Amino acid sequence: MFDVVDVKNALASLKLGKTAGYDGLTTENLHYCHPIIFIHLKLLFNMMSVHGYVPDDFGVGVVVPVVKGQCADVCSADNYRPVTLSAVVLKVFEYCVLQKYGDTCRGLCYIRTKCSMG
């Protein structure tokens, strides 16, 4: 089960200044909101874990093409890579799972590494 400290640490792990996901929320929205958000997120994450259910909206993302390099030809589709903008609440949940169960799950299931999150 997750506790408030897990949620706080997960949110602190996210970088500020990133683009919002499809829901329009940024890390700053959660970072600067009332501290009660940690309790609500803890309750949500624990219910998700107990019931084995993840909301369908957590699987929604916005795919944005990003040019691979500054000198790349922007007219060629081969010079772009896809970047998916995910909901920030999903990122907090992923960090909670990674911090709590990362050693247990590694090798058994796919968990994004810290370098690919944020």
Protein backbone atom coordinates (compact mmCIF):
# COMPACT_ATOMS: atom_id res chain seq x y z
CA MET A 1 0.00 0.00 0.00
CA PHE A 2 1.12 3.52 -0.74
CA ASP A 3 1.33 6.28 1.84
CA VAL A 4 1.51 10.07 1.65
CA VAL A 5 5.32 10.04 1.75
CA ASP A 6 5.40 7.78 -1.33
CA VAL A 7 3.22 10.24 -3.25
CA LYS A 8 5.26 13.25 -2.08
CA ASN A 9 8.52 11.59 -3.11
CA ALA A 10 7.09 10.57 -6.47
CA LEU A 11 5.90 14.10 -7.20
CA ALA A 12 9.24 15.53 -6.10
CA SER A 13 10.94 13.22 -8.62
CA LEU A 14 9.13 14.80 -11.56
CA LYS A 15 10.81 17.65 -13.39
CA LEU A 16 9.14 21.05 -13.47
CA GLY A 17 8.65 22.96 -16.71
CA LYS A 18 7.43 20.05 -18.82
CA THR A 19 4.50 20.25 -21.22
CA ALA A 20 1.06 19.26 -19.99
CA GLY A 21 -0.54 15.97 -20.98
CA TYR A 22 -3.91 15.59 -22.68
CA ASP A 23 -5.66 16.59 -19.44
CA GLY A 24 -3.96 19.99 -19.35
CA LEU A 25 -2.30 19.38 -15.96
CA THR A 26 1.39 20.01 -15.45
CA THR A 27 3.73 18.98 -12.67
CA GLU A 28 3.49 22.55 -11.37
CA ASN A 29 -0.28 22.18 -10.92
CA LEU A 30 0.27 19.35 -8.44
CA HIS A 31 3.48 20.76 -6.98
CA TYR A 32 1.91 24.09 -5.95
CA CYS A 33 -1.61 22.93 -5.05
CA HIS A 34 -2.95 22.34 -1.53
CA PRO A 35 -1.14 19.52 0.33
CA ILE A 36 -4.41 17.58 0.64
CA ILE A 37 -3.73 16.40 -2.93
CA PHE A 38 -1.23 13.90 -1.49
CA ILE A 39 -3.99 12.28 0.57
CA HIS A 40 -6.38 12.11 -2.38
CA LEU A 41 -3.73 10.65 -4.68
CA LYS A 42 -2.72 8.12 -2.01
CA LEU A 43 -6.34 7.01 -1.72
CA LEU A 44 -6.71 6.80 -5.50
CA PHE A 45 -3.49 4.81 -5.94
CA ASN A 46 -4.38 2.42 -3.11
CA MET A 47 -7.84 1.82 -4.57
CA MET A 48 -6.29 1.18 -7.98
CA SER A 49 -3.90 -1.33 -6.41
CA VAL A 50 -6.51 -3.11 -4.29
CA HIS A 51 -9.06 -3.40 -7.09
CA GLY A 52 -6.54 -4.01 -9.87
CA TYR A 53 -8.11 -1.28 -11.97
CA VAL A 54 -6.46 1.61 -13.79
CA PRO A 55 -8.75 4.27 -15.27
CA ASP A 56 -8.98 4.15 -19.06
CA ASP A 57 -7.91 7.80 -19.27
CA PHE A 58 -4.52 6.84 -17.85
CA GLY A 59 -3.87 5.05 -21.13
CA VAL A 60 -4.52 8.16 -23.21
CA GLY A 61 -1.60 10.22 -24.42
CA VAL A 62 -0.81 12.84 -27.01
CA VAL A 63 1.89 11.81 -29.48
CA VAL A 64 3.98 14.76 -30.64
CA PRO A 65 6.64 14.54 -33.36
CA VAL A 66 9.98 15.98 -32.25
CA VAL A 67 12.88 16.69 -34.60
CA LYS A 68 15.83 14.38 -33.84
CA GLY A 69 18.47 17.09 -34.15
CA GLN A 70 18.79 20.82 -34.72
CA CYS A 71 20.51 20.31 -38.06
CA ALA A 72 18.07 17.65 -39.27
CA ASP A 73 15.94 18.17 -42.36
CA VAL A 74 12.50 19.09 -41.00
CA CYS A 75 10.89 18.15 -44.33
CA SER A 76 11.81 14.46 -43.93
CA ALA A 77 9.60 12.26 -41.74
CA ASP A 78 12.64 10.09 -40.97
CA ASN A 79 14.14 12.91 -38.89
CA TYR A 80 11.36 12.88 -36.29
CA ARG A 81 10.83 10.74 -33.22
CA PRO A 82 7.51 10.36 -31.39
CA VAL A 83 7.14 11.65 -27.85
CA THR A 84 4.02 10.76 -25.88
CA LEU A 85 2.68 13.31 -23.41
CA SER A 86 1.06 11.38 -20.54
CA ALA A 87 -1.12 12.60 -17.70
CA VAL A 88 0.94 13.86 -14.76
CA VAL A 89 -1.16 11.83 -12.28
CA LEU A 90 -0.17 8.69 -14.21
CA LYS A 91 3.48 9.69 -13.93
CA VAL A 92 3.13 10.12 -10.16
CA PHE A 93 1.53 6.68 -9.95
CA GLU A 94 4.33 5.14 -12.06
CA TYR A 95 6.95 6.67 -9.79
CA CYS A 96 5.12 5.36 -6.70
CA VAL A 97 5.06 1.85 -8.17
CA LEU A 98 8.69 2.08 -9.29
CA GLN A 99 9.89 3.30 -5.89
CA LYS A 100 7.87 0.74 -3.93
CA TYR A 101 8.06 -2.34 -6.15
CA GLY A 102 10.77 -1.62 -8.71
CA ASP A 103 13.22 -4.24 -7.41
CA THR A 104 10.49 -6.87 -7.20
CA CYS A 105 9.05 -6.22 -10.65
CA ARG A 106 12.28 -5.74 -12.57
CA GLY A 107 12.56 -8.59 -15.02
CA LEU A 108 8.96 -9.71 -14.47
CA CYS A 109 7.19 -6.82 -16.11
CA TYR A 110 7.88 -3.65 -18.08
CA ILE A 111 8.51 -0.59 -15.92
CA ARG A 112 9.86 2.57 -17.44
CA THR A 113 13.19 3.68 -16.05
CA LYS A 114 13.73 7.08 -14.49
CA CYS A 115 15.61 8.35 -17.54
CA SER A 116 12.52 7.88 -19.73
CA MET A 117 10.06 9.46 -17.30
CA GLY A 118 9.43 13.06 -16.51
